[in-house]
Amino acid sequence: MSGSARPTGARGVYSISVAAELTGVGIQTLRLYEARGLVTPERTEGGTRRYSADDLDRVRRITDLVDAGLNIAGVAMVLDLEATNARLRTANRTQRQRLRARTSDDEQAPDAAPRRRR
């Protein structure tokens, strides 16, 4: 590994006890978050939970929301809205890139008709 001892991404590498230590959340709380569908760690063939760096970031986000006064149902709603917002932003960005490419192609075409302004 390079200068960081923390793996990145979605690969599950942390046991539940290490995840609890790194996030400051109790093991039972991590199990509760999993039971409520807030976090989904990978499982080994033997059924051992393996948390990824992304999972740890999500647990920290959950902790922030709980500390702000939200209950578990509220946390689930916020996380769902954040995920929807991220998907929409990605789709919007992709659509803008396609429009720019199309506009660029239209402007480069020699027989392009002049655009009318509304």
PDB file of N, CA and C in Angstrom:
ATOM      1  N   MET A   1       0.828  -1.178   0.000  1.00  0.00           N
ATOM      2  CA  MET A   1       0.000   0.000   0.000  1.00  0.00           C
ATOM      3  C   MET A   1       0.869   1.236   0.000  1.00  0.00           C
ATOM      4  N   SER A   2       0.336   2.282  -0.562  1.00  0.00           N
ATOM      5  CA  SER A   2       1.083   3.533  -0.579  1.00  0.00           C
ATOM      6  C   SER A   2       1.018   4.183   0.790  1.00  0.00           C
ATOM      7  N   GLY A   3       1.114   5.466   0.881  1.00  0.00           N
ATOM      8  CA  GLY A   3       1.214   6.194   2.129  1.00  0.00           C
ATOM      9  C   GLY A   3       0.052   6.033   3.084  1.00  0.00           C
ATOM     10  N   SER A   4      -1.050   5.450   2.657  1.00  0.00           N
ATOM     11  CA  SER A   4      -2.216   5.302   3.515  1.00  0.00           C
ATOM     12  C   SER A   4      -2.400   3.846   3.912  1.00  0.00           C
ATOM     13  N   ALA A   5      -2.707   3.627   5.192  1.00  0.00           N
ATOM     14  CA  ALA A   5      -2.962   2.275   5.663  1.00  0.00           C
ATOM     15  C   ALA A   5      -4.430   1.914   5.486  1.00  0.00           C
ATOM     16  N   ARG A   6      -5.222   2.802   4.953  1.00  0.00           N
ATOM     17  CA  ARG A   6      -6.658   2.613   4.812  1.00  0.00           C
ATOM     18  C   ARG A   6      -7.005   2.234   3.386  1.00  0.00           C
ATOM     19  N   PRO A   7      -7.491   1.006   3.164  1.00  0.00           N
ATOM     20  CA  PRO A   7      -7.912   0.636   1.807  1.00  0.00           C
ATOM     21  C   PRO A   7      -9.084   1.514   1.353  1.00  0.00           C
ATOM     22  N   THR A   8      -9.199   1.701   0.081  1.00  0.00           N
ATOM     23  CA  THR A   8     -10.281   2.520  -0.441  1.00  0.00           C
ATOM     24  C   THR A   8     -11.268   1.658  -1.198  1.00  0.00           C
ATOM     25  N   GLY A   9     -12.448   2.187  -1.393  1.00  0.00           N
ATOM     26  CA  GLY A   9     -13.414   1.530  -2.243  1.00  0.00           C
ATOM     27  C   GLY A   9     -14.378   0.621  -1.526  1.00  0.00           C
ATOM     28  N   ALA A  10     -14.915  -0.303  -2.310  1.00  0.00           N
ATOM     29  CA  ALA A  10     -16.012  -1.136  -1.849  1.00  0.00           C
ATOM     30  C   ALA A  10     -15.567  -2.516  -1.373  1.00  0.00           C
ATOM     31  N   ARG A  11     -14.303  -2.808  -1.411  1.00  0.00           N
ATOM     32  CA  ARG A  11     -13.822  -4.133  -1.009  1.00  0.00           C
ATOM     33  C   ARG A  11     -13.891  -4.288   0.505  1.00  0.00           C
ATOM     34  N   GLY A  12     -14.608  -5.311   0.967  1.00  0.00           N
ATOM     35  CA  GLY A  12     -14.754  -5.545   2.394  1.00  0.00           C
ATOM     36  C   GLY A  12     -13.499  -6.155   2.989  1.00  0.00           C
ATOM     37  N   VAL A  13     -12.857  -5.414   3.884  1.00  0.00           N
ATOM     38  CA  VAL A  13     -11.607  -5.894   4.485  1.00  0.00           C
ATOM     39  C   VAL A  13     -11.611  -5.815   6.013  1.00  0.00           C
ATOM     40  N   TYR A  14     -12.547  -5.065   6.598  1.00  0.00           N
ATOM     41  CA  TYR A  14     -12.534  -4.853   8.044  1.00  0.00           C
ATOM     42  C   TYR A  14     -13.533  -5.768   8.739  1.00  0.00           C
ATOM     43  N   SER A  15     -13.108  -6.412   9.804  1.00  0.00           N
ATOM     44  CA  SER A  15     -14.031  -7.197  10.621  1.00  0.00           C
ATOM     45  C   SER A  15     -14.951  -6.237  11.365  1.00  0.00           C
ATOM     46  N   ILE A  16     -15.999  -6.776  11.956  1.00  0.00           N
ATOM     47  CA  ILE A  16     -16.953  -5.921  12.661  1.00  0.00           C
ATOM     48  C   ILE A  16     -16.295  -5.225  13.859  1.00  0.00           C
ATOM     49  N   SER A  17     -15.375  -5.907  14.528  1.00  0.00           N
ATOM     50  CA  SER A  17     -14.721  -5.280  15.684  1.00  0.00           C
ATOM     51  C   SER A  17     -13.810  -4.134  15.245  1.00  0.00           C
ATOM     52  N   VAL A  18     -13.125  -4.305  14.129  1.00  0.00           N
ATOM     53  CA  VAL A  18     -12.270  -3.236  13.614  1.00  0.00           C
ATOM     54  C   VAL A  18     -13.135  -2.081  13.107  1.00  0.00           C
ATOM     55  N   ALA A  19     -14.217  -2.394  12.409  1.00  0.00           N
ATOM     56  CA  ALA A  19     -15.131  -1.355  11.925  1.00  0.00           C
ATOM     57  C   ALA A  19     -15.695  -0.557  13.095  1.00  0.00           C
ATOM     58  N   ALA A  20     -16.054  -1.242  14.175  1.00  0.00           N
ATOM     59  CA  ALA A  20     -16.569  -0.559  15.361  1.00  0.00           C
ATOM     60  C   ALA A  20     -15.518   0.371  15.945  1.00  0.00           C
ATOM     61  N   GLU A  21     -14.300  -0.106  16.024  1.00  0.00           N
ATOM     62  CA  GLU A  21     -13.214   0.720  16.572  1.00  0.00           C
ATOM     63  C   GLU A  21     -12.937   1.931  15.693  1.00  0.00           C
ATOM     64  N   LEU A  22     -12.883   1.726  14.376  1.00  0.00           N
ATOM     65  CA  LEU A  22     -12.550   2.818  13.462  1.00  0.00           C
ATOM     66  C   LEU A  22     -13.645   3.882  13.375  1.00  0.00           C
ATOM     67  N   THR A  23     -14.894   3.481  13.597  1.00  0.00           N
ATOM     68  CA  THR A  23     -15.999   4.436  13.482  1.00  0.00           C
ATOM     69  C   THR A  23     -16.477   4.961  14.827  1.00  0.00           C
ATOM     70  N   GLY A  24     -16.057   4.303  15.916  1.00  0.00           N
ATOM     71  CA  GLY A  24     -16.520   4.716  17.233  1.00  0.00           C
ATOM     72  C   GLY A  24     -17.944   4.281  17.522  1.00  0.00           C
ATOM     73  N   VAL A  25     -18.430   3.308  16.775  1.00  0.00           N
ATOM     74  CA  VAL A  25     -19.792   2.790  16.928  1.00  0.00           C
ATOM     75  C   VAL A  25     -19.694   1.389  17.511  1.00  0.00           C
ATOM     76  N   GLY A  26     -20.591   1.052  18.403  1.00  0.00           N
ATOM     77  CA  GLY A  26     -20.575  -0.271  19.009  1.00  0.00           C
ATOM     78  C   GLY A  26     -20.933  -1.377  18.030  1.00  0.00           C
ATOM     79  N   ILE A  27     -20.480  -2.571  18.340  1.00  0.00           N
ATOM     80  CA  ILE A  27     -20.749  -3.728  17.486  1.00  0.00           C
ATOM     81  C   ILE A  27     -22.251  -3.961  17.359  1.00  0.00           C
ATOM     82  N   GLN A  28     -22.978  -3.869  18.453  1.00  0.00           N
ATOM     83  CA  GLN A  28     -24.430  -4.069  18.391  1.00  0.00           C
ATOM     84  C   GLN A  28     -25.098  -3.004  17.528  1.00  0.00           C
ATOM     85  N   THR A  29     -24.580  -1.795  17.564  1.00  0.00           N
ATOM     86  CA  THR A  29     -25.127  -0.724  16.730  1.00  0.00           C
ATOM     87  C   THR A  29     -24.879  -1.022  15.254  1.00  0.00           C
ATOM     88  N   LEU A  30     -23.691  -1.530  14.929  1.00  0.00           N
ATOM     89  CA  LEU A  30     -23.414  -1.919  13.547  1.00  0.00           C
ATOM     90  C   LEU A  30     -24.376  -3.014  13.093  1.00  0.00           C
ATOM     91  N   ARG A  31     -24.639  -3.963  13.979  1.00  0.00           N
ATOM     92  CA  ARG A  31     -25.595  -5.033  13.647  1.00  0.00           C
ATOM     93  C   ARG A  31     -26.995  -4.458  13.437  1.00  0.00           C
ATOM     94  N   LEU A  32     -27.370  -3.492  14.268  1.00  0.00           N
ATOM     95  CA  LEU A  32     -28.669  -2.832  14.117  1.00  0.00           C
ATOM     96  C   LEU A  32     -28.749  -2.112  12.769  1.00  0.00           C
ATOM     97  N   TYR A  33     -27.705  -1.364  12.417  1.00  0.00           N
ATOM     98  CA  TYR A  33     -27.687  -0.654  11.132  1.00  0.00           C
ATOM     99  C   TYR A  33     -27.831  -1.637   9.970  1.00  0.00           C
ATOM    100  N   GLU A  34     -27.187  -2.796  10.100  1.00  0.00           N
ATOM    101  CA  GLU A  34     -27.313  -3.807   9.053  1.00  0.00           C
ATOM    102  C   GLU A  34     -28.732  -4.371   9.023  1.00  0.00           C
ATOM    103  N   ALA A  35     -29.285  -4.663  10.175  1.00  0.00           N
ATOM    104  CA  ALA A  35     -30.641  -5.215  10.246  1.00  0.00           C
ATOM    105  C   ALA A  35     -31.667  -4.255   9.658  1.00  0.00           C
ATOM    106  N   ARG A  36     -31.426  -2.959   9.797  1.00  0.00           N
ATOM    107  CA  ARG A  36     -32.340  -1.950   9.266  1.00  0.00           C
ATOM    108  C   ARG A  36     -32.029  -1.581   7.816  1.00  0.00           C
ATOM    109  N   GLY A  37     -31.023  -2.213   7.242  1.00  0.00           N
ATOM    110  CA  GLY A  37     -30.706  -1.975   5.836  1.00  0.00           C
ATOM    111  C   GLY A  37     -29.920  -0.709   5.571  1.00  0.00           C
ATOM    112  N   LEU A  38     -29.349  -0.124   6.605  1.00  0.00           N
ATOM    113  CA  LEU A  38     -28.586   1.115   6.430  1.00  0.00           C
ATOM    114  C   LEU A  38     -27.184   0.865   5.902  1.00  0.00           C
ATOM    115  N   VAL A  39     -26.645  -0.299   6.197  1.00  0.00           N
ATOM    116  CA  VAL A  39     -25.316  -0.674   5.719  1.00  0.00           C
ATOM    117  C   VAL A  39     -25.350  -2.171   5.407  1.00  0.00           C
ATOM    118  N   THR A  40     -24.635  -2.548   4.363  1.00  0.00           N
ATOM    119  CA  THR A  40     -24.636  -3.952   3.940  1.00  0.00           C
ATOM    120  C   THR A  40     -23.200  -4.421   3.732  1.00  0.00           C
ATOM    121  N   PRO A  41     -22.563  -4.883   4.805  1.00  0.00           N
ATOM    122  CA  PRO A  41     -21.187  -5.364   4.649  1.00  0.00           C
ATOM    123  C   PRO A  41     -21.163  -6.655   3.841  1.00  0.00           C
ATOM    124  N   GLU A  42     -20.029  -6.918   3.218  1.00  0.00           N
ATOM    125  CA  GLU A  42     -19.852  -8.196   2.533  1.00  0.00           C
ATOM    126  C   GLU A  42     -19.821  -9.299   3.570  1.00  0.00           C
ATOM    127  N   ARG A  43     -20.018 -10.522   3.105  1.00  0.00           N
ATOM    128  CA  ARG A  43     -19.916 -11.678   3.991  1.00  0.00           C
ATOM    129  C   ARG A  43     -18.932 -12.668   3.396  1.00  0.00           C
ATOM    130  N   THR A  44     -18.117 -13.251   4.261  1.00  0.00           N
ATOM    131  CA  THR A  44     -17.227 -14.319   3.808  1.00  0.00           C
ATOM    132  C   THR A  44     -18.059 -15.582   3.622  1.00  0.00           C
ATOM    133  N   GLU A  45     -17.443 -16.627   3.073  1.00  0.00           N
ATOM    134  CA  GLU A  45     -18.152 -17.900   2.912  1.00  0.00           C
ATOM    135  C   GLU A  45     -18.652 -18.429   4.251  1.00  0.00           C
ATOM    136  N   GLY A  46     -17.925 -18.128   5.313  1.00  0.00           N
ATOM    137  CA  GLY A  46     -18.326 -18.553   6.645  1.00  0.00           C
ATOM    138  C   GLY A  46     -19.337 -17.640   7.304  1.00  0.00           C
ATOM    139  N   GLY A  47     -19.707 -16.546   6.644  1.00  0.00           N
ATOM    140  CA  GLY A  47     -20.711 -15.629   7.169  1.00  0.00           C
ATOM    141  C   GLY A  47     -20.172 -14.461   7.967  1.00  0.00           C
ATOM    142  N   THR A  48     -18.850 -14.313   8.040  1.00  0.00           N
ATOM    143  CA  THR A  48     -18.257 -13.207   8.779  1.00  0.00           C
ATOM    144  C   THR A  48     -18.446 -11.902   8.012  1.00  0.00           C
ATOM    145  N   ARG A  49     -18.852 -10.864   8.723  1.00  0.00           N
ATOM    146  CA  ARG A  49     -19.028  -9.551   8.104  1.00  0.00           C
ATOM    147  C   ARG A  49     -17.667  -8.958   7.754  1.00  0.00           C
ATOM    148  N   ARG A  50     -17.593  -8.335   6.587  1.00  0.00           N
ATOM    149  CA  ARG A  50     -16.394  -7.607   6.168  1.00  0.00           C
ATOM    150  C   ARG A  50     -16.827  -6.235   5.663  1.00  0.00           C
ATOM    151  N   TYR A  51     -16.407  -5.216   6.389  1.00  0.00           N
ATOM    152  CA  TYR A  51     -16.777  -3.841   6.055  1.00  0.00           C
ATOM    153  C   TYR A  51     -15.725  -3.219   5.145  1.00  0.00           C
ATOM    154  N   SER A  52     -16.180  -2.449   4.185  1.00  0.00           N
ATOM    155  CA  SER A  52     -15.289  -1.742   3.264  1.00  0.00           C
ATOM    156  C   SER A  52     -15.068  -0.317   3.765  1.00  0.00           C
ATOM    157  N   ALA A  53     -14.144   0.383   3.139  1.00  0.00           N
ATOM    158  CA  ALA A  53     -13.931   1.802   3.453  1.00  0.00           C
ATOM    159  C   ALA A  53     -15.206   2.588   3.156  1.00  0.00           C
ATOM    160  N   ASP A  54     -15.912   2.237   2.079  1.00  0.00           N
ATOM    161  CA  ASP A  54     -17.180   2.900   1.763  1.00  0.00           C
ATOM    162  C   ASP A  54     -18.208   2.652   2.863  1.00  0.00           C
ATOM    163  N   ASP A  55     -18.252   1.417   3.381  1.00  0.00           N
ATOM    164  CA  ASP A  55     -19.160   1.109   4.489  1.00  0.00           C
ATOM    165  C   ASP A  55     -18.837   1.968   5.715  1.00  0.00           C
ATOM    166  N   LEU A  56     -17.556   2.117   6.006  1.00  0.00           N
ATOM    167  CA  LEU A  56     -17.152   2.922   7.169  1.00  0.00           C
ATOM    168  C   LEU A  56     -17.569   4.378   6.983  1.00  0.00           C
ATOM    169  N   ASP A  57     -17.406   4.903   5.770  1.00  0.00           N
ATOM    170  CA  ASP A  57     -17.849   6.276   5.499  1.00  0.00           C
ATOM    171  C   ASP A  57     -19.361   6.401   5.704  1.00  0.00           C
ATOM    172  N   ARG A  58     -20.095   5.387   5.265  1.00  0.00           N
ATOM    173  CA  ARG A  58     -21.554   5.397   5.423  1.00  0.00           C
ATOM    174  C   ARG A  58     -21.928   5.337   6.907  1.00  0.00           C
ATOM    175  N   VAL A  59     -21.236   4.526   7.689  1.00  0.00           N
ATOM    176  CA  VAL A  59     -21.510   4.454   9.132  1.00  0.00           C
ATOM    177  C   VAL A  59     -21.237   5.812   9.774  1.00  0.00           C
ATOM    178  N   ARG A  60     -20.179   6.467   9.365  1.00  0.00           N
ATOM    179  CA  ARG A  60     -19.877   7.801   9.913  1.00  0.00           C
ATOM    180  C   ARG A  60     -20.972   8.802   9.538  1.00  0.00           C
ATOM    181  N   ARG A  61     -21.506   8.699   8.328  1.00  0.00           N
ATOM    182  CA  ARG A  61     -22.611   9.576   7.902  1.00  0.00           C
ATOM    183  C   ARG A  61     -23.851   9.284   8.750  1.00  0.00           C
ATOM    184  N   ILE A  62     -24.129   8.019   8.980  1.00  0.00           N
ATOM    185  CA  ILE A  62     -25.263   7.634   9.821  1.00  0.00           C
ATOM    186  C   ILE A  62     -25.086   8.218  11.221  1.00  0.00           C
ATOM    187  N   THR A  63     -23.888   8.100  11.763  1.00  0.00           N
ATOM    188  CA  THR A  63     -23.598   8.628  13.096  1.00  0.00           C
ATOM    189  C   THR A  63     -23.827  10.138  13.140  1.00  0.00           C
ATOM    190  N   ASP A  64     -23.382  10.842  12.114  1.00  0.00           N
ATOM    191  CA  ASP A  64     -23.609  12.295  12.049  1.00  0.00           C
ATOM    192  C   ASP A  64     -25.102  12.620  12.069  1.00  0.00           C
ATOM    193  N   LEU A  65     -25.884  11.868  11.316  1.00  0.00           N
ATOM    194  CA  LEU A  65     -27.324  12.121  11.251  1.00  0.00           C
ATOM    195  C   LEU A  65     -28.003  11.806  12.582  1.00  0.00           C
ATOM    196  N   VAL A  66     -27.591  10.718  13.220  1.00  0.00           N
ATOM    197  CA  VAL A  66     -28.147  10.367  14.532  1.00  0.00           C
ATOM    198  C   VAL A  66     -27.765  11.444  15.550  1.00  0.00           C
ATOM    199  N   ASP A  67     -26.523  11.895  15.496  1.00  0.00           N
ATOM    200  CA  ASP A  67     -26.073  12.950  16.415  1.00  0.00           C
ATOM    201  C   ASP A  67     -26.833  14.258  16.188  1.00  0.00           C
ATOM    202  N   ALA A  68     -27.324  14.453  14.952  1.00  0.00           N
ATOM    203  CA  ALA A  68     -28.103  15.652  14.637  1.00  0.00           C
ATOM    204  C   ALA A  68     -29.558  15.523  15.092  1.00  0.00           C
ATOM    205  N   GLY A  69     -29.924  14.343  15.619  1.00  0.00           N
ATOM    206  CA  GLY A  69     -31.254  14.174  16.173  1.00  0.00           C
ATOM    207  C   GLY A  69     -32.202  13.306  15.366  1.00  0.00           C
ATOM    208  N   LEU A  70     -31.759  12.732  14.269  1.00  0.00           N
ATOM    209  CA  LEU A  70     -32.634  11.878  13.472  1.00  0.00           C
ATOM    210  C   LEU A  70     -32.717  10.483  14.083  1.00  0.00           C
ATOM    211  N   ASN A  71     -33.891   9.872  13.935  1.00  0.00           N
ATOM    212  CA  ASN A  71     -34.011   8.474  14.335  1.00  0.00           C
ATOM    213  C   ASN A  71     -33.618   7.603  13.144  1.00  0.00           C
ATOM    214  N   ILE A  72     -33.634   6.288  13.326  1.00  0.00           N
ATOM    215  CA  ILE A  72     -33.182   5.372  12.276  1.00  0.00           C
ATOM    216  C   ILE A  72     -34.031   5.514  11.012  1.00  0.00           C
ATOM    217  N   ALA A  73     -35.340   5.669  11.174  1.00  0.00           N
ATOM    218  CA  ALA A  73     -36.216   5.842  10.004  1.00  0.00           C
ATOM    219  C   ALA A  73     -35.863   7.131   9.257  1.00  0.00           C
ATOM    220  N   GLY A  74     -35.600   8.183   9.993  1.00  0.00           N
ATOM    221  CA  GLY A  74     -35.204   9.443   9.369  1.00  0.00           C
ATOM    222  C   GLY A  74     -33.870   9.328   8.664  1.00  0.00           C
ATOM    223  N   VAL A  75     -32.941   8.621   9.272  1.00  0.00           N
ATOM    224  CA  VAL A  75     -31.630   8.392   8.660  1.00  0.00           C
ATOM    225  C   VAL A  75     -31.807   7.646   7.340  1.00  0.00           C
ATOM    226  N   ALA A  76     -32.648   6.606   7.351  1.00  0.00           N
ATOM    227  CA  ALA A  76     -32.879   5.832   6.128  1.00  0.00           C
ATOM    228  C   ALA A  76     -33.439   6.723   5.027  1.00  0.00           C
ATOM    229  N   MET A  77     -34.357   7.610   5.384  1.00  0.00           N
ATOM    230  CA  MET A  77     -34.947   8.514   4.393  1.00  0.00           C
ATOM    231  C   MET A  77     -33.895   9.481   3.836  1.00  0.00           C
ATOM    232  N   VAL A  78     -33.074  10.031   4.704  1.00  0.00           N
ATOM    233  CA  VAL A  78     -32.035  10.970   4.256  1.00  0.00           C
ATOM    234  C   VAL A  78     -31.047  10.259   3.336  1.00  0.00           C
ATOM    235  N   LEU A  79     -30.599   9.070   3.717  1.00  0.00           N
ATOM    236  CA  LEU A  79     -29.640   8.336   2.886  1.00  0.00           C
ATOM    237  C   LEU A  79     -30.245   7.992   1.535  1.00  0.00           C
ATOM    238  N   ASP A  80     -31.529   7.625   1.519  1.00  0.00           N
ATOM    239  CA  ASP A  80     -32.212   7.326   0.259  1.00  0.00           C
ATOM    240  C   ASP A  80     -32.304   8.577  -0.613  1.00  0.00           C
ATOM    241  N   LEU A  81     -32.649   9.696  -0.020  1.00  0.00           N
ATOM    242  CA  LEU A  81     -32.726  10.954  -0.778  1.00  0.00           C
ATOM    243  C   LEU A  81     -31.352  11.379  -1.300  1.00  0.00           C
ATOM    244  N   GLU A  82     -30.325  11.193  -0.490  1.00  0.00           N
ATOM    245  CA  GLU A  82     -28.969  11.530  -0.947  1.00  0.00           C
ATOM    246  C   GLU A  82     -28.552  10.652  -2.119  1.00  0.00           C
ATOM    247  N   ALA A  83     -28.885   9.366  -2.065  1.00  0.00           N
ATOM    248  CA  ALA A  83     -28.543   8.454  -3.161  1.00  0.00           C
ATOM    249  C   ALA A  83     -29.308   8.831  -4.426  1.00  0.00           C
ATOM    250  N   THR A  84     -30.585   9.161  -4.282  1.00  0.00           N
ATOM    251  CA  THR A  84     -31.392   9.588  -5.434  1.00  0.00           C
ATOM    252  C   THR A  84     -30.828  10.870  -6.032  1.00  0.00           C
ATOM    253  N   ASN A  85     -30.468  11.805  -5.176  1.00  0.00           N
ATOM    254  CA  ASN A  85     -29.899  13.067  -5.631  1.00  0.00           C
ATOM    255  C   ASN A  85     -28.598  12.829  -6.402  1.00  0.00           C
ATOM    256  N   ALA A  86     -27.763  11.942  -5.903  1.00  0.00           N
ATOM    257  CA  ALA A  86     -26.493  11.636  -6.579  1.00  0.00           C
ATOM    258  C   ALA A  86     -26.754  11.016  -7.954  1.00  0.00           C
ATOM    259  N   ARG A  87     -27.736  10.093  -8.032  1.00  0.00           N
ATOM    260  CA  ARG A  87     -28.069   9.488  -9.333  1.00  0.00           C
ATOM    261  C   ARG A  87     -28.576  10.537 -10.310  1.00  0.00           C
ATOM    262  N   LEU A  88     -29.429  11.431  -9.828  1.00  0.00           N
ATOM    263  CA  LEU A  88     -29.963  12.481 -10.695  1.00  0.00           C
ATOM    264  C   LEU A  88     -28.865  13.426 -11.167  1.00  0.00           C
ATOM    265  N   ARG A  89     -27.949  13.766 -10.285  1.00  0.00           N
ATOM    266  CA  ARG A  89     -26.836  14.636 -10.680  1.00  0.00           C
ATOM    267  C   ARG A  89     -25.980  13.965 -11.752  1.00  0.00           C
ATOM    268  N   THR A  90     -25.726  12.678 -11.591  1.00  0.00           N
ATOM    269  CA  THR A  90     -24.939  11.938 -12.584  1.00  0.00           C
ATOM    270  C   THR A  90     -25.668  11.899 -13.919  1.00  0.00           C
ATOM    271  N   ALA A  91     -26.961  11.615 -13.884  1.00  0.00           N
ATOM    272  CA  ALA A  91     -27.754  11.577 -15.122  1.00  0.00           C
ATOM    273  C   ALA A  91     -27.791  12.946 -15.780  1.00  0.00           C
ATOM    274  N   ASN A  92     -27.936  13.991 -14.984  1.00  0.00           N
ATOM    275  CA  ASN A  92     -27.968  15.352 -15.512  1.00  0.00           C
ATOM    276  C   ASN A  92     -26.630  15.714 -16.149  1.00  0.00           C
ATOM    277  N   ARG A  93     -25.541  15.340 -15.482  1.00  0.00           N
ATOM    278  CA  ARG A  93     -24.208  15.622 -16.002  1.00  0.00           C
ATOM    279  C   ARG A  93     -24.001  14.908 -17.346  1.00  0.00           C
ATOM    280  N   THR A  94     -24.429  13.653 -17.409  1.00  0.00           N
ATOM    281  CA  THR A  94     -24.302  12.876 -18.641  1.00  0.00           C
ATOM    282  C   THR A  94     -25.125  13.503 -19.757  1.00  0.00           C
ATOM    283  N   GLN A  95     -26.334  13.912 -19.432  1.00  0.00           N
ATOM    284  CA  GLN A  95     -27.199  14.543 -20.431  1.00  0.00           C
ATOM    285  C   GLN A  95     -26.590  15.851 -20.930  1.00  0.00           C
ATOM    286  N   ARG A  96     -26.032  16.657 -20.034  1.00  0.00           N
ATOM    287  CA  ARG A  96     -25.387  17.913 -20.458  1.00  0.00           C
ATOM    288  C   ARG A  96     -24.205  17.645 -21.372  1.00  0.00           C
ATOM    289  N   GLN A  97     -23.420  16.602 -21.060  1.00  0.00           N
ATOM    290  CA  GLN A  97     -22.274  16.257 -21.906  1.00  0.00           C
ATOM    291  C   GLN A  97     -22.730  15.842 -23.299  1.00  0.00           C
ATOM    292  N   ARG A  98     -23.811  15.071 -23.377  1.00  0.00           N
ATOM    293  CA  ARG A  98     -24.343  14.677 -24.690  1.00  0.00           C
ATOM    294  C   ARG A  98     -24.822  15.886 -25.473  1.00  0.00           C
ATOM    295  N   LEU A  99     -25.511  16.807 -24.793  1.00  0.00           N
ATOM    296  CA  LEU A  99     -25.993  18.009 -25.468  1.00  0.00           C
ATOM    297  C   LEU A  99     -24.826  18.867 -25.966  1.00  0.00           C
ATOM    298  N   ARG A 100     -23.795  18.987 -25.148  1.00  0.00           N
ATOM    299  CA  ARG A 100     -22.620  19.760 -25.572  1.00  0.00           C
ATOM    300  C   ARG A 100     -21.971  19.120 -26.790  1.00  0.00           C
ATOM    301  N   ALA A 101     -21.856  17.795 -26.765  1.00  0.00           N
ATOM    302  CA  ALA A 101     -21.248  17.098 -27.904  1.00  0.00           C
ATOM    303  C   ALA A 101     -22.092  17.282 -29.148  1.00  0.00           C
ATOM    304  N   ARG A 102     -23.398  17.188 -29.013  1.00  0.00           N
ATOM    305  CA  ARG A 102     -24.288  17.373 -30.154  1.00  0.00           C
ATOM    306  C   ARG A 102     -24.199  18.806 -30.675  1.00  0.00           C
ATOM    307  N   THR A 103     -24.176  19.777 -29.767  1.00  0.00           N
ATOM    308  CA  THR A 103     -24.065  21.178 -30.157  1.00  0.00           C
ATOM    309  C   THR A 103     -22.746  21.422 -30.862  1.00  0.00           C
ATOM    310  N   SER A 104     -21.679  20.840 -30.336  1.00  0.00           N
ATOM    311  CA  SER A 104     -20.362  20.986 -30.956  1.00  0.00           C
ATOM    312  C   SER A 104     -20.362  20.387 -32.354  1.00  0.00           C
ATOM    313  N   ASP A 105     -20.975  19.214 -32.510  1.00  0.00           N
ATOM    314  CA  ASP A 105     -21.065  18.585 -33.830  1.00  0.00           C
ATOM    315  C   ASP A 105     -21.868  19.449 -34.788  1.00  0.00           C
ATOM    316  N   ASP A 106     -22.971  20.027 -34.304  1.00  0.00           N
ATOM    317  CA  ASP A 106     -23.809  20.885 -35.152  1.00  0.00           C
ATOM    318  C   ASP A 106     -23.054  22.127 -35.605  1.00  0.00           C
ATOM    319  N   GLU A 107     -22.275  22.704 -34.692  1.00  0.00           N
ATOM    320  CA  GLU A 107     -21.531  23.921 -35.025  1.00  0.00           C
ATOM    321  C   GLU A 107     -20.408  23.643 -36.007  1.00  0.00           C
ATOM    322  N   GLN A 108     -19.872  22.430 -35.990  1.00  0.00           N
ATOM    323  CA  GLN A 108     -18.777  22.087 -36.885  1.00  0.00           C
ATOM    324  C   GLN A 108     -19.261  21.632 -38.254  1.00  0.00           C
ATOM    325  N   ALA A 109     -20.537  21.305 -38.361  1.00  0.00           N
ATOM    326  CA  ALA A 109     -21.065  20.851 -39.659  1.00  0.00           C
ATOM    327  C   ALA A 109     -21.101  22.025 -40.629  1.00  0.00           C
ATOM    328  N   PRO A 110     -20.558  21.871 -41.848  1.00  0.00           N
ATOM    329  CA  PRO A 110     -20.492  22.992 -42.789  1.00  0.00           C
ATOM    330  C   PRO A 110     -21.862  23.434 -43.281  1.00  0.00           C
ATOM    331  N   ASP A 111     -22.818  22.572 -43.365  1.00  0.00           N
ATOM    332  CA  ASP A 111     -24.105  22.958 -43.886  1.00  0.00           C
ATOM    333  C   ASP A 111     -25.157  23.175 -42.777  1.00  0.00           C
ATOM    334  N   ALA A 112     -24.665  23.471 -41.589  1.00  0.00           N
ATOM    335  CA  ALA A 112     -25.581  23.672 -40.467  1.00  0.00           C
ATOM    336  C   ALA A 112     -26.384  24.929 -40.682  1.00  0.00           C
ATOM    337  N   ALA A 113     -27.661  24.819 -40.491  1.00  0.00           N
ATOM    338  CA  ALA A 113     -28.552  25.981 -40.627  1.00  0.00           C
ATOM    339  C   ALA A 113     -28.348  26.889 -39.425  1.00  0.00           C
ATOM    340  N   PRO A 114     -28.459  28.202 -39.645  1.00  0.00           N
ATOM    341  CA  PRO A 114     -28.314  29.122 -38.513  1.00  0.00           C
ATOM    342  C   PRO A 114     -29.424  28.863 -37.492  1.00  0.00           C
ATOM    343  N   ARG A 115     -29.075  29.064 -36.263  1.00  0.00           N
ATOM    344  CA  ARG A 115     -30.032  28.841 -35.179  1.00  0.00           C
ATOM    345  C   ARG A 115     -30.914  30.052 -34.991  1.00  0.00           C
ATOM    346  N   ARG A 116     -32.155  29.773 -34.702  1.00  0.00           N
ATOM    347  CA  ARG A 116     -33.091  30.843 -34.414  1.00  0.00           C
ATOM    348  C   ARG A 116     -33.178  31.015 -32.912  1.00  0.00           C
ATOM    349  N   ARG A 117     -33.213  32.241 -32.478  1.00  0.00           N
ATOM    350  CA  ARG A 117     -33.349  32.511 -31.045  1.00  0.00           C
ATOM    351  C   ARG A 117     -34.806  32.739 -30.726  1.00  0.00           C
ATOM    352  N   ARG A 118     -35.178  32.331 -29.569  1.00  0.00           N
ATOM    353  CA  ARG A 118     -36.568  32.529 -29.128  1.00  0.00           C
ATOM    354  C   ARG A 118     -36.642  33.669 -28.148  1.00  0.00           C
TER     355      ARG A 118
END
